[in-house]
Full PDB file with SEQRES, HELIX, SHEET, SSBOND, CRYST1, ORIGX, SCALE, CONECT and MASTER records, all heavy atoms in Angstrom:
SEQRES   1 A   44  ILE LEU VAL HIS LEU GLU LEU LYS GLN HIS GLY GLN ASP          
SEQRES   2 A   44  GLU ASP LEU HIS GLU PHE GLU LEU LEU ALA ALA SER ALA          
SEQRES   3 A   44  ASP VAL GLN VAL LEU SER ILE VAL THR GLY SER ARG GLN          
SEQRES   4 A   44  ARG PRO ASP ALA ARG                                          
HELIX    1 AA1 LEU A   16  SER A   25  1                                  10    
SHEET    1 AA1 2 LEU A   2  LEU A   7  0                                        
SHEET    2 AA1 2 ILE A  33  ARG A  38  1                                        
CRYST1    1.000    1.000    1.000  90.00  90.00  90.00 P 1           1          
ORIGX1      1.000000  0.000000  0.000000        0.00000                         
ORIGX2      0.000000  1.000000  0.000000        0.00000                         
ORIGX3      0.000000  0.000000  1.000000        0.00000                         
SCALE1      1.000000  0.000000  0.000000        0.00000                         
SCALE2      0.000000  1.000000  0.000000        0.00000                         
SCALE3      0.000000  0.000000  1.000000        0.00000                         
ATOM      1  N   ILE A   1       8.675   4.583   4.984  1.00  0.00           N  
ATOM      2  CA  ILE A   1       7.312   4.251   5.477  1.00  0.00           C  
ATOM      3  C   ILE A   1       6.442   3.746   4.285  1.00  0.00           C  
ATOM      4  O   ILE A   1       6.502   4.290   3.213  1.00  0.00           O  
ATOM      5  CB  ILE A   1       6.616   5.521   6.109  1.00  0.00           C  
ATOM      6  CG1 ILE A   1       7.353   5.937   7.354  1.00  0.00           C  
ATOM      7  CG2 ILE A   1       5.110   5.265   6.364  1.00  0.00           C  
ATOM      8  CD1 ILE A   1       6.868   7.236   7.932  1.00  0.00           C  
ATOM      9  N   LEU A   2       5.799   2.607   4.504  1.00  0.00           N  
ATOM     10  CA  LEU A   2       4.981   2.066   3.452  1.00  0.00           C  
ATOM     11  C   LEU A   2       3.530   2.462   3.607  1.00  0.00           C  
ATOM     12  O   LEU A   2       3.011   2.446   4.732  1.00  0.00           O  
ATOM     13  CB  LEU A   2       5.105   0.483   3.471  1.00  0.00           C  
ATOM     14  CG  LEU A   2       6.534  -0.054   3.418  1.00  0.00           C  
ATOM     15  CD1 LEU A   2       6.376  -1.599   3.268  1.00  0.00           C  
ATOM     16  CD2 LEU A   2       7.374   0.448   2.355  1.00  0.00           C  
ATOM     17  N   VAL A   3       2.864   2.685   2.497  1.00  0.00           N  
ATOM     18  CA  VAL A   3       1.499   3.140   2.494  1.00  0.00           C  
ATOM     19  C   VAL A   3       0.661   2.229   1.600  1.00  0.00           C  
ATOM     20  O   VAL A   3       0.980   2.092   0.437  1.00  0.00           O  
ATOM     21  CB  VAL A   3       1.301   4.606   2.146  1.00  0.00           C  
ATOM     22  CG1 VAL A   3      -0.163   4.985   2.139  1.00  0.00           C  
ATOM     23  CG2 VAL A   3       2.122   5.557   2.945  1.00  0.00           C  
ATOM     24  N   HIS A   4      -0.347   1.604   2.136  1.00  0.00           N  
ATOM     25  CA  HIS A   4      -1.210   0.724   1.384  1.00  0.00           C  
ATOM     26  C   HIS A   4      -2.636   1.062   1.695  1.00  0.00           C  
ATOM     27  O   HIS A   4      -3.108   0.943   2.878  1.00  0.00           O  
ATOM     28  CB  HIS A   4      -0.942  -0.744   1.746  1.00  0.00           C  
ATOM     29  CG  HIS A   4      -1.852  -1.696   1.136  1.00  0.00           C  
ATOM     30  ND1 HIS A   4      -1.673  -2.191  -0.136  1.00  0.00           N  
ATOM     31  CD2 HIS A   4      -2.980  -2.348   1.668  1.00  0.00           C  
ATOM     32  CE1 HIS A   4      -2.648  -3.041  -0.363  1.00  0.00           C  
ATOM     33  NE2 HIS A   4      -3.429  -3.134   0.684  1.00  0.00           N  
ATOM     34  N   LEU A   5      -3.430   1.380   0.675  1.00  0.00           N  
ATOM     35  CA  LEU A   5      -4.880   1.695   0.751  1.00  0.00           C  
ATOM     36  C   LEU A   5      -5.686   0.692   0.074  1.00  0.00           C  
ATOM     37  O   LEU A   5      -5.370   0.346  -1.152  1.00  0.00           O  
ATOM     38  CB  LEU A   5      -5.091   3.143   0.314  1.00  0.00           C  
ATOM     39  CG  LEU A   5      -4.373   4.253   0.965  1.00  0.00           C  
ATOM     40  CD1 LEU A   5      -4.699   5.578   0.339  1.00  0.00           C  
ATOM     41  CD2 LEU A   5      -4.593   4.308   2.482  1.00  0.00           C  
ATOM     42  N   GLU A   6      -6.830   0.386   0.566  1.00  0.00           N  
ATOM     43  CA  GLU A   6      -7.895  -0.458  -0.117  1.00  0.00           C  
ATOM     44  C   GLU A   6      -8.851   0.475  -0.730  1.00  0.00           C  
ATOM     45  O   GLU A   6      -9.418   1.307  -0.035  1.00  0.00           O  
ATOM     46  CB  GLU A   6      -8.463  -1.457   0.890  1.00  0.00           C  
ATOM     47  CG  GLU A   6      -7.556  -2.493   1.514  1.00  0.00           C  
ATOM     48  CD  GLU A   6      -7.078  -3.512   0.445  1.00  0.00           C  
ATOM     49  OE1 GLU A   6      -7.718  -3.617  -0.542  1.00  0.00           O  
ATOM     50  OE2 GLU A   6      -6.058  -4.142   0.779  1.00  0.00           O  
ATOM     51  N   LEU A   7      -8.951   0.401  -2.055  1.00  0.00           N  
ATOM     52  CA  LEU A   7      -9.874   1.250  -2.749  1.00  0.00           C  
ATOM     53  C   LEU A   7     -11.079   0.414  -3.174  1.00  0.00           C  
ATOM     54  O   LEU A   7     -11.039  -0.408  -4.128  1.00  0.00           O  
ATOM     55  CB  LEU A   7      -9.205   1.863  -3.959  1.00  0.00           C  
ATOM     56  CG  LEU A   7      -8.012   2.766  -3.675  1.00  0.00           C  
ATOM     57  CD1 LEU A   7      -7.380   3.239  -5.029  1.00  0.00           C  
ATOM     58  CD2 LEU A   7      -8.355   3.858  -2.777  1.00  0.00           C  
ATOM     59  N   LYS A   8     -12.211   0.586  -2.430  1.00  0.00           N  
ATOM     60  CA  LYS A   8     -13.391  -0.225  -2.590  1.00  0.00           C  
ATOM     61  C   LYS A   8     -13.975  -0.060  -4.017  1.00  0.00           C  
ATOM     62  O   LYS A   8     -14.314  -0.986  -4.709  1.00  0.00           O  
ATOM     63  CB  LYS A   8     -14.377   0.057  -1.614  1.00  0.00           C  
ATOM     64  CG  LYS A   8     -13.805  -0.156  -0.188  1.00  0.00           C  
ATOM     65  CD  LYS A   8     -14.854   0.195   0.979  1.00  0.00           C  
ATOM     66  CE  LYS A   8     -14.333  -0.002   2.302  1.00  0.00           C  
ATOM     67  NZ  LYS A   8     -15.217   0.515   3.354  1.00  0.00           N  
ATOM     68  N   GLN A   9     -14.225   1.209  -4.427  1.00  0.00           N  
ATOM     69  CA  GLN A   9     -14.895   1.493  -5.656  1.00  0.00           C  
ATOM     70  C   GLN A   9     -14.102   1.098  -6.890  1.00  0.00           C  
ATOM     71  O   GLN A   9     -14.605   0.658  -7.855  1.00  0.00           O  
ATOM     72  CB  GLN A   9     -15.261   2.960  -5.775  1.00  0.00           C  
ATOM     73  CG  GLN A   9     -16.032   3.354  -6.969  1.00  0.00           C  
ATOM     74  CD  GLN A   9     -16.564   4.828  -6.920  1.00  0.00           C  
ATOM     75  OE1 GLN A   9     -17.010   5.265  -5.961  1.00  0.00           O  
ATOM     76  NE2 GLN A   9     -16.566   5.483  -8.067  1.00  0.00           N  
ATOM     77  N   HIS A  10     -12.818   1.143  -6.773  1.00  0.00           N  
ATOM     78  CA  HIS A  10     -11.940   0.826  -7.890  1.00  0.00           C  
ATOM     79  C   HIS A  10     -11.474  -0.641  -7.936  1.00  0.00           C  
ATOM     80  O   HIS A  10     -10.667  -0.970  -8.772  1.00  0.00           O  
ATOM     81  CB  HIS A  10     -10.739   1.758  -7.914  1.00  0.00           C  
ATOM     82  CG  HIS A  10     -10.956   3.131  -8.388  1.00  0.00           C  
ATOM     83  ND1 HIS A  10     -10.389   3.729  -9.434  1.00  0.00           N  
ATOM     84  CD2 HIS A  10     -11.891   4.012  -7.954  1.00  0.00           C  
ATOM     85  CE1 HIS A  10     -10.803   4.916  -9.577  1.00  0.00           C  
ATOM     86  NE2 HIS A  10     -11.687   5.158  -8.781  1.00  0.00           N  
ATOM     87  N   GLY A  11     -12.008  -1.389  -6.974  1.00  0.00           N  
ATOM     88  CA  GLY A  11     -11.636  -2.817  -6.988  1.00  0.00           C  
ATOM     89  C   GLY A  11     -10.158  -3.063  -6.824  1.00  0.00           C  
ATOM     90  O   GLY A  11      -9.467  -3.899  -7.485  1.00  0.00           O  
ATOM     91  N   GLN A  12      -9.505  -2.247  -5.961  1.00  0.00           N  
ATOM     92  CA  GLN A  12      -8.131  -2.344  -5.790  1.00  0.00           C  
ATOM     93  C   GLN A  12      -7.696  -3.705  -5.269  1.00  0.00           C  
ATOM     94  O   GLN A  12      -8.249  -4.203  -4.284  1.00  0.00           O  
ATOM     95  CB  GLN A  12      -7.640  -1.225  -4.797  1.00  0.00           C  
ATOM     96  CG  GLN A  12      -6.101  -1.324  -4.456  1.00  0.00           C  
ATOM     97  CD  GLN A  12      -5.339  -0.973  -5.695  1.00  0.00           C  
ATOM     98  OE1 GLN A  12      -4.863  -1.800  -6.396  1.00  0.00           O  
ATOM     99  NE2 GLN A  12      -5.153   0.346  -5.926  1.00  0.00           N  
ATOM    100  N   ASP A  13      -6.709  -4.360  -5.927  1.00  0.00           N  
ATOM    101  CA  ASP A  13      -6.324  -5.645  -5.545  1.00  0.00           C  
ATOM    102  C   ASP A  13      -4.826  -5.760  -5.360  1.00  0.00           C  
ATOM    103  O   ASP A  13      -4.254  -6.884  -5.424  1.00  0.00           O  
ATOM    104  CB  ASP A  13      -6.791  -6.721  -6.640  1.00  0.00           C  
ATOM    105  CG  ASP A  13      -6.185  -6.469  -7.925  1.00  0.00           C  
ATOM    106  OD1 ASP A  13      -5.555  -5.396  -8.186  1.00  0.00           O  
ATOM    107  OD2 ASP A  13      -6.240  -7.338  -8.860  1.00  0.00           O  
ATOM    108  N   GLU A  14      -4.174  -4.723  -5.047  1.00  0.00           N  
ATOM    109  CA  GLU A  14      -2.704  -4.740  -4.823  1.00  0.00           C  
ATOM    110  C   GLU A  14      -2.510  -5.607  -3.435  1.00  0.00           C  
ATOM    111  O   GLU A  14      -3.316  -5.472  -2.516  1.00  0.00           O  
ATOM    112  CB  GLU A  14      -2.094  -3.375  -4.674  1.00  0.00           C  
ATOM    113  CG  GLU A  14      -2.124  -2.534  -5.923  1.00  0.00           C  
ATOM    114  CD  GLU A  14      -1.333  -3.078  -7.026  1.00  0.00           C  
ATOM    115  OE1 GLU A  14      -0.668  -4.151  -6.879  1.00  0.00           O  
ATOM    116  OE2 GLU A  14      -1.185  -2.381  -8.080  1.00  0.00           O  
ATOM    117  N   ASP A  15      -1.445  -6.299  -3.406  1.00  0.00           N  
ATOM    118  CA  ASP A  15      -1.215  -7.156  -2.253  1.00  0.00           C  
ATOM    119  C   ASP A  15      -0.196  -6.488  -1.312  1.00  0.00           C  
ATOM    120  O   ASP A  15       0.909  -6.167  -1.768  1.00  0.00           O  
ATOM    121  CB  ASP A  15      -0.700  -8.515  -2.733  1.00  0.00           C  
ATOM    122  CG  ASP A  15      -0.516  -9.444  -1.592  1.00  0.00           C  
ATOM    123  OD1 ASP A  15      -1.238  -9.473  -0.608  1.00  0.00           O  
ATOM    124  OD2 ASP A  15       0.513 -10.219  -1.676  1.00  0.00           O  
ATOM    125  N   LEU A  16      -0.506  -6.331  -0.003  1.00  0.00           N  
ATOM    126  CA  LEU A  16       0.344  -5.744   0.915  1.00  0.00           C  
ATOM    127  C   LEU A  16       1.606  -6.523   1.161  1.00  0.00           C  
ATOM    128  O   LEU A  16       2.649  -6.035   1.277  1.00  0.00           O  
ATOM    129  CB  LEU A  16      -0.402  -5.460   2.226  1.00  0.00           C  
ATOM    130  CG  LEU A  16       0.448  -4.824   3.391  1.00  0.00           C  
ATOM    131  CD1 LEU A  16       1.129  -3.534   2.919  1.00  0.00           C  
ATOM    132  CD2 LEU A  16      -0.372  -4.645   4.636  1.00  0.00           C  
ATOM    133  N   HIS A  17       1.430  -7.860   1.301  1.00  0.00           N  
ATOM    134  CA  HIS A  17       2.564  -8.716   1.551  1.00  0.00           C  
ATOM    135  C   HIS A  17       3.513  -8.667   0.361  1.00  0.00           C  
ATOM    136  O   HIS A  17       4.778  -8.618   0.591  1.00  0.00           O  
ATOM    137  CB  HIS A  17       2.089 -10.114   1.726  1.00  0.00           C  
ATOM    138  CG  HIS A  17       3.223 -11.143   1.919  1.00  0.00           C  
ATOM    139  ND1 HIS A  17       4.102 -11.084   2.949  1.00  0.00           N  
ATOM    140  CD2 HIS A  17       3.631 -12.198   1.155  1.00  0.00           C  
ATOM    141  CE1 HIS A  17       4.988 -12.089   2.899  1.00  0.00           C  
ATOM    142  NE2 HIS A  17       4.695 -12.687   1.702  1.00  0.00           N  
ATOM    143  N   GLU A  18       3.033  -8.612  -0.905  1.00  0.00           N  
ATOM    144  CA  GLU A  18       3.915  -8.465  -2.056  1.00  0.00           C  
ATOM    145  C   GLU A  18       4.683  -7.151  -1.968  1.00  0.00           C  
ATOM    146  O   GLU A  18       5.805  -7.119  -2.341  1.00  0.00           O  
ATOM    147  CB  GLU A  18       3.091  -8.624  -3.291  1.00  0.00           C  
ATOM    148  CG  GLU A  18       4.081  -8.597  -4.587  1.00  0.00           C  
ATOM    149  CD  GLU A  18       3.155  -8.737  -5.773  1.00  0.00           C  
ATOM    150  OE1 GLU A  18       3.008  -9.916  -6.270  1.00  0.00           O  
ATOM    151  OE2 GLU A  18       2.667  -7.785  -6.392  1.00  0.00           O  
ATOM    152  N   PHE A  19       4.008  -6.096  -1.575  1.00  0.00           N  
ATOM    153  CA  PHE A  19       4.551  -4.773  -1.436  1.00  0.00           C  
ATOM    154  C   PHE A  19       5.757  -4.788  -0.462  1.00  0.00           C  
ATOM    155  O   PHE A  19       6.768  -4.205  -0.734  1.00  0.00           O  
ATOM    156  CB  PHE A  19       3.506  -3.749  -1.043  1.00  0.00           C  
ATOM    157  CG  PHE A  19       4.007  -2.334  -1.079  1.00  0.00           C  
ATOM    158  CD1 PHE A  19       4.726  -1.863  -2.143  1.00  0.00           C  
ATOM    159  CD2 PHE A  19       3.653  -1.436  -0.057  1.00  0.00           C  
ATOM    160  CE1 PHE A  19       5.163  -0.489  -2.181  1.00  0.00           C  
ATOM    161  CE2 PHE A  19       4.050  -0.087  -0.057  1.00  0.00           C  
ATOM    162  CZ  PHE A  19       4.823   0.289  -1.105  1.00  0.00           C  
ATOM    163  N   GLU A  20       5.572  -5.507   0.700  1.00  0.00           N  
ATOM    164  CA  GLU A  20       6.601  -5.664   1.629  1.00  0.00           C  
ATOM    165  C   GLU A  20       7.853  -6.368   1.030  1.00  0.00           C  
ATOM    166  O   GLU A  20       8.958  -6.075   1.313  1.00  0.00           O  
ATOM    167  CB  GLU A  20       6.064  -6.361   2.913  1.00  0.00           C  
ATOM    168  CG  GLU A  20       5.060  -5.515   3.691  1.00  0.00           C  
ATOM    169  CD  GLU A  20       4.565  -6.327   4.932  1.00  0.00           C  
ATOM    170  OE1 GLU A  20       5.390  -6.517   5.913  1.00  0.00           O  
ATOM    171  OE2 GLU A  20       3.386  -6.834   4.865  1.00  0.00           O  
ATOM    172  N   LEU A  21       7.593  -7.421   0.266  1.00  0.00           N  
ATOM    173  CA  LEU A  21       8.614  -8.143  -0.389  1.00  0.00           C  
ATOM    174  C   LEU A  21       9.330  -7.242  -1.371  1.00  0.00           C  
ATOM    175  O   LEU A  21      10.618  -7.418  -1.525  1.00  0.00           O  
ATOM    176  CB  LEU A  21       8.062  -9.363  -1.058  1.00  0.00           C  
ATOM    177  CG  LEU A  21       7.456 -10.549  -0.158  1.00  0.00           C  
ATOM    178  CD1 LEU A  21       6.898 -11.603  -1.016  1.00  0.00           C  
ATOM    179  CD2 LEU A  21       8.618 -11.000   0.785  1.00  0.00           C  
ATOM    180  N   LEU A  22       8.595  -6.439  -2.140  1.00  0.00           N  
ATOM    181  CA  LEU A  22       9.287  -5.536  -3.011  1.00  0.00           C  
ATOM    182  C   LEU A  22      10.215  -4.548  -2.288  1.00  0.00           C  
ATOM    183  O   LEU A  22      11.386  -4.299  -2.762  1.00  0.00           O  
ATOM    184  CB  LEU A  22       8.197  -4.649  -3.826  1.00  0.00           C  
ATOM    185  CG  LEU A  22       7.447  -5.388  -4.924  1.00  0.00           C  
ATOM    186  CD1 LEU A  22       6.312  -4.518  -5.530  1.00  0.00           C  
ATOM    187  CD2 LEU A  22       8.344  -5.774  -6.143  1.00  0.00           C  
ATOM    188  N   ALA A  23       9.718  -4.032  -1.182  1.00  0.00           N  
ATOM    189  CA  ALA A  23      10.567  -3.148  -0.307  1.00  0.00           C  
ATOM    190  C   ALA A  23      11.790  -3.835   0.111  1.00  0.00           C  
ATOM    191  O   ALA A  23      12.847  -3.332   0.150  1.00  0.00           O  
ATOM    192  CB  ALA A  23       9.698  -2.577   0.828  1.00  0.00           C  
ATOM    193  N   ALA A  24      11.610  -5.094   0.601  1.00  0.00           N  
ATOM    194  CA  ALA A  24      12.816  -5.858   1.057  1.00  0.00           C  
ATOM    195  C   ALA A  24      13.734  -6.119  -0.120  1.00  0.00           C  
ATOM    196  O   ALA A  24      14.986  -6.108   0.091  1.00  0.00           O  
ATOM    197  CB  ALA A  24      12.251  -7.228   1.648  1.00  0.00           C  
ATOM    198  N   SER A  25      13.235  -6.363  -1.242  1.00  0.00           N  
ATOM    199  CA  SER A  25      14.076  -6.619  -2.429  1.00  0.00           C  
ATOM    200  C   SER A  25      14.909  -5.357  -2.724  1.00  0.00           C  
ATOM    201  O   SER A  25      16.049  -5.463  -3.344  1.00  0.00           O  
ATOM    202  CB  SER A  25      13.285  -7.037  -3.646  1.00  0.00           C  
ATOM    203  OG  SER A  25      14.042  -7.416  -4.690  1.00  0.00           O  
ATOM    204  N   ALA A  26      14.360  -4.168  -2.455  1.00  0.00           N  
ATOM    205  CA  ALA A  26      15.059  -2.915  -2.705  1.00  0.00           C  
ATOM    206  C   ALA A  26      15.988  -2.506  -1.524  1.00  0.00           C  
ATOM    207  O   ALA A  26      16.580  -1.429  -1.431  1.00  0.00           O  
ATOM    208  CB  ALA A  26      14.089  -1.750  -2.926  1.00  0.00           C  
ATOM    209  N   ASP A  27      16.076  -3.443  -0.520  1.00  0.00           N  
ATOM    210  CA  ASP A  27      16.894  -3.241   0.620  1.00  0.00           C  
ATOM    211  C   ASP A  27      16.475  -2.019   1.454  1.00  0.00           C  
ATOM    212  O   ASP A  27      17.314  -1.203   2.076  1.00  0.00           O  
ATOM    213  CB  ASP A  27      18.421  -3.092   0.252  1.00  0.00           C  
ATOM    214  CG  ASP A  27      19.009  -4.332  -0.434  1.00  0.00           C  
ATOM    215  OD1 ASP A  27      18.551  -5.384  -0.015  1.00  0.00           O  
ATOM    216  OD2 ASP A  27      19.863  -4.227  -1.333  1.00  0.00           O  
ATOM    217  N   VAL A  28      15.194  -1.858   1.493  1.00  0.00           N  
ATOM    218  CA  VAL A  28      14.606  -0.732   2.297  1.00  0.00           C  
ATOM    219  C   VAL A  28      14.458  -1.103   3.775  1.00  0.00           C  
ATOM    220  O   VAL A  28      14.000  -2.217   4.081  1.00  0.00           O  
ATOM    221  CB  VAL A  28      13.240  -0.306   1.650  1.00  0.00           C  
ATOM    222  CG1 VAL A  28      12.500   0.593   2.621  1.00  0.00           C  
ATOM    223  CG2 VAL A  28      13.439   0.338   0.329  1.00  0.00           C  
ATOM    224  N   GLN A  29      14.718  -0.212   4.607  1.00  0.00           N  
ATOM    225  CA  GLN A  29      14.417  -0.420   6.076  1.00  0.00           C  
ATOM    226  C   GLN A  29      13.050   0.141   6.369  1.00  0.00           C  
ATOM    227  O   GLN A  29      12.791   1.316   6.404  1.00  0.00           O  
ATOM    228  CB  GLN A  29      15.477   0.306   6.937  1.00  0.00           C  
ATOM    229  CG  GLN A  29      15.286   0.132   8.424  1.00  0.00           C  
ATOM    230  CD  GLN A  29      16.228   0.928   9.288  1.00  0.00           C  
ATOM    231  OE1 GLN A  29      17.156   1.591   8.738  1.00  0.00           O  
ATOM    232  NE2 GLN A  29      16.003   0.965  10.581  1.00  0.00           N  
ATOM    233  N   VAL A  30      12.124  -0.757   6.597  1.00  0.00           N  
ATOM    234  CA  VAL A  30      10.709  -0.396   6.768  1.00  0.00           C  
ATOM    235  C   VAL A  30      10.548   0.089   8.250  1.00  0.00           C  
ATOM    236  O   VAL A  30      10.662  -0.717   9.214  1.00  0.00           O  
ATOM    237  CB  VAL A  30       9.792  -1.525   6.509  1.00  0.00           C  
ATOM    238  CG1 VAL A  30       8.293  -1.103   6.756  1.00  0.00           C  
ATOM    239  CG2 VAL A  30       9.912  -1.896   4.987  1.00  0.00           C  
ATOM    240  N   LEU A  31      10.153   1.366   8.430  1.00  0.00           N  
ATOM    241  CA  LEU A  31       9.949   1.907   9.779  1.00  0.00           C  
ATOM    242  C   LEU A  31       8.503   1.683  10.221  1.00  0.00           C  
ATOM    243  O   LEU A  31       8.295   1.459  11.436  1.00  0.00           O  
ATOM    244  CB  LEU A  31      10.310   3.425   9.769  1.00  0.00           C  
ATOM    245  CG  LEU A  31      11.734   3.803   9.338  1.00  0.00           C  
ATOM    246  CD1 LEU A  31      11.793   5.285   9.249  1.00  0.00           C  
ATOM    247  CD2 LEU A  31      12.729   3.129  10.213  1.00  0.00           C  
ATOM    248  N   SER A  32       7.580   1.769   9.332  1.00  0.00           N  
ATOM    249  CA  SER A  32       6.162   1.658   9.730  1.00  0.00           C  
ATOM    250  C   SER A  32       5.370   1.389   8.424  1.00  0.00           C  
ATOM    251  O   SER A  32       5.756   1.754   7.312  1.00  0.00           O  
ATOM    252  CB  SER A  32       5.683   2.953  10.389  1.00  0.00           C  
ATOM    253  OG  SER A  32       4.265   2.894  10.715  1.00  0.00           O  
ATOM    254  N   ILE A  33       4.194   0.803   8.637  1.00  0.00           N  
ATOM    255  CA  ILE A  33       3.235   0.510   7.510  1.00  0.00           C  
ATOM    256  C   ILE A  33       1.931   1.196   7.825  1.00  0.00           C  
ATOM    257  O   ILE A  33       1.339   0.972   8.852  1.00  0.00           O  
ATOM    258  CB  ILE A  33       3.054  -0.981   7.371  1.00  0.00           C  
ATOM    259  CG1 ILE A  33       4.347  -1.723   7.007  1.00  0.00           C  
ATOM    260  CG2 ILE A  33       2.028  -1.241   6.118  1.00  0.00           C  
ATOM    261  CD1 ILE A  33       4.221  -3.217   6.802  1.00  0.00           C  
ATOM    262  N   VAL A  34       1.566   2.080   6.968  1.00  0.00           N  
ATOM    263  CA  VAL A  34       0.263   2.850   7.162  1.00  0.00           C  
ATOM    264  C   VAL A  34      -0.755   2.241   6.171  1.00  0.00           C  
ATOM    265  O   VAL A  34      -0.632   2.134   4.945  1.00  0.00           O  
ATOM    266  CB  VAL A  34       0.435   4.319   6.810  1.00  0.00           C  
ATOM    267  CG1 VAL A  34      -0.896   5.142   6.991  1.00  0.00           C  
ATOM    268  CG2 VAL A  34       1.484   4.848   7.691  1.00  0.00           C  
ATOM    269  N   THR A  35      -1.927   1.781   6.722  1.00  0.00           N  
ATOM    270  CA  THR A  35      -2.964   1.255   5.925  1.00  0.00           C  
ATOM    271  C   THR A  35      -4.260   2.031   6.123  1.00  0.00           C  
ATOM    272  O   THR A  35      -4.399   2.818   6.989  1.00  0.00           O  
ATOM    273  CB  THR A  35      -3.234  -0.159   6.315  1.00  0.00           C  
ATOM    274  OG1 THR A  35      -3.654  -0.270   7.749  1.00  0.00           O  
ATOM    275  CG2 THR A  35      -1.953  -1.107   6.195  1.00  0.00           C  
ATOM    276  N   GLY A  36      -5.178   1.815   5.265  1.00  0.00           N  
ATOM    277  CA  GLY A  36      -6.470   2.554   5.295  1.00  0.00           C  
ATOM    278  C   GLY A  36      -7.352   2.128   4.129  1.00  0.00           C  
ATOM    279  O   GLY A  36      -6.955   1.237   3.356  1.00  0.00           O  
ATOM    280  N   SER A  37      -8.474   2.736   3.992  1.00  0.00           N  
ATOM    281  CA  SER A  37      -9.372   2.362   2.982  1.00  0.00           C  
ATOM    282  C   SER A  37     -10.132   3.652   2.500  1.00  0.00           C  
ATOM    283  O   SER A  37     -10.347   4.546   3.284  1.00  0.00           O  
ATOM    284  CB  SER A  37     -10.407   1.281   3.365  1.00  0.00           C  
ATOM    285  OG  SER A  37     -11.190   1.802   4.449  1.00  0.00           O  
ATOM    286  N   ARG A  38     -10.464   3.657   1.251  1.00  0.00           N  
ATOM    287  CA  ARG A  38     -11.178   4.839   0.619  1.00  0.00           C  
ATOM    288  C   ARG A  38     -12.071   4.285  -0.438  1.00  0.00           C  
ATOM    289  O   ARG A  38     -11.882   3.215  -0.956  1.00  0.00           O  
ATOM    290  CB  ARG A  38     -10.182   5.821   0.022  1.00  0.00           C  
ATOM    291  CG  ARG A  38      -9.404   6.611   1.010  1.00  0.00           C  
ATOM    292  CD  ARG A  38      -8.473   7.629   0.251  1.00  0.00           C  
ATOM    293  NE  ARG A  38      -9.229   8.563  -0.554  1.00  0.00           N  
ATOM    294  CZ  ARG A  38      -9.732   9.681  -0.066  1.00  0.00           C  
ATOM    295  NH1 ARG A  38      -9.572  10.004   1.186  1.00  0.00           N  
ATOM    296  NH2 ARG A  38     -10.423  10.513  -0.798  1.00  0.00           N  
ATOM    297  N   GLN A  39     -13.086   5.060  -0.792  1.00  0.00           N  
ATOM    298  CA  GLN A  39     -13.989   4.759  -1.863  1.00  0.00           C  
ATOM    299  C   GLN A  39     -13.194   4.920  -3.162  1.00  0.00           C  
ATOM    300  O   GLN A  39     -13.285   4.050  -4.110  1.00  0.00           O  
ATOM    301  CB  GLN A  39     -15.237   5.552  -1.861  1.00  0.00           C  
ATOM    302  CG  GLN A  39     -16.220   5.186  -0.758  1.00  0.00           C  
ATOM    303  CD  GLN A  39     -16.796   3.803  -0.877  1.00  0.00           C  
ATOM    304  OE1 GLN A  39     -17.052   3.316  -2.013  1.00  0.00           O  
ATOM    305  NE2 GLN A  39     -17.019   3.105   0.223  1.00  0.00           N  
ATOM    306  N   ARG A  40     -12.487   5.924  -3.309  1.00  0.00           N  
ATOM    307  CA  ARG A  40     -11.740   6.317  -4.508  1.00  0.00           C  
ATOM    308  C   ARG A  40     -10.532   7.168  -4.112  1.00  0.00           C  
ATOM    309  O   ARG A  40     -10.481   7.782  -3.063  1.00  0.00           O  
ATOM    310  CB  ARG A  40     -12.675   7.141  -5.479  1.00  0.00           C  
ATOM    311  CG  ARG A  40     -13.070   8.472  -4.905  1.00  0.00           C  
ATOM    312  CD  ARG A  40     -13.938   9.199  -5.982  1.00  0.00           C  
ATOM    313  NE  ARG A  40     -15.259   8.479  -6.109  1.00  0.00           N  
ATOM    314  CZ  ARG A  40     -16.355   8.707  -5.305  1.00  0.00           C  
ATOM    315  NH1 ARG A  40     -16.228   9.527  -4.285  1.00  0.00           N  
ATOM    316  NH2 ARG A  40     -17.458   8.035  -5.505  1.00  0.00           N  
ATOM    317  N   PRO A  41      -9.552   7.188  -5.012  1.00  0.00           N  
ATOM    318  CA  PRO A  41      -8.381   8.030  -4.682  1.00  0.00           C  
ATOM    319  C   PRO A  41      -8.636   9.482  -4.738  1.00  0.00           C  
ATOM    320  O   PRO A  41      -9.518   9.966  -5.467  1.00  0.00           O  
ATOM    321  CB  PRO A  41      -7.331   7.728  -5.916  1.00  0.00           C  
ATOM    322  CG  PRO A  41      -7.904   6.500  -6.539  1.00  0.00           C  
ATOM    323  CD  PRO A  41      -9.406   6.451  -6.305  1.00  0.00           C  
ATOM    324  N   ASP A  42      -8.004  10.183  -3.818  1.00  0.00           N  
ATOM    325  CA  ASP A  42      -8.082  11.680  -3.716  1.00  0.00           C  
ATOM    326  C   ASP A  42      -7.379  12.226  -4.899  1.00  0.00           C  
ATOM    327  O   ASP A  42      -6.234  11.837  -5.251  1.00  0.00           O  
ATOM    328  CB  ASP A  42      -7.502  12.178  -2.478  1.00  0.00           C  
ATOM    329  CG  ASP A  42      -7.639  13.662  -2.325  1.00  0.00           C  
ATOM    330  OD1 ASP A  42      -8.724  14.156  -2.025  1.00  0.00           O  
ATOM    331  OD2 ASP A  42      -6.590  14.376  -2.598  1.00  0.00           O  
ATOM    332  N   ALA A  43      -7.954  13.189  -5.655  1.00  0.00           N  
ATOM    333  CA  ALA A  43      -7.381  13.699  -6.839  1.00  0.00           C  
ATOM    334  C   ALA A  43      -6.057  14.420  -6.621  1.00  0.00           C  
ATOM    335  O   ALA A  43      -5.189  14.403  -7.392  1.00  0.00           O  
ATOM    336  CB  ALA A  43      -8.375  14.637  -7.521  1.00  0.00           C  
ATOM    337  N   ARG A  44      -5.944  15.052  -5.450  1.00  0.00           N  
ATOM    338  CA  ARG A  44      -4.768  15.892  -5.131  1.00  0.00           C  
ATOM    339  C   ARG A  44      -3.696  15.112  -4.394  1.00  0.00           C  
ATOM    340  O   ARG A  44      -2.475  15.154  -4.777  1.00  0.00           O  
ATOM    341  CB  ARG A  44      -5.140  17.107  -4.342  1.00  0.00           C  
ATOM    342  CG  ARG A  44      -3.961  18.002  -3.957  1.00  0.00           C  
ATOM    343  CD  ARG A  44      -4.484  19.277  -3.315  1.00  0.00           C  
ATOM    344  NE  ARG A  44      -3.314  20.099  -2.793  1.00  0.00           N  
ATOM    345  CZ  ARG A  44      -2.818  19.924  -1.618  1.00  0.00           C  
ATOM    346  NH1 ARG A  44      -3.249  19.096  -0.752  1.00  0.00           N  
ATOM    347  NH2 ARG A  44      -1.728  20.782  -1.243  1.00  0.00           N  
TER     348      ARG A  44                                                      
MASTER        0    0    0    1    2    0    0    6  347    1    0    4          
END                                                                             
C-alpha cells in the first residue's frame, strides 16, 4: 500500500507519480494508494 501526504506548512513537493514509478521499479504489487493532506507531520 502506498501512502502519499501533501504537507502544506512544510512545502512538501514529493511527486506521487514518481513514487509509483519507484514502486514499479522495485517490482512491488500496488494494492491501493492512500492520499491526504496535513499542515505538518505527526510527531509519533
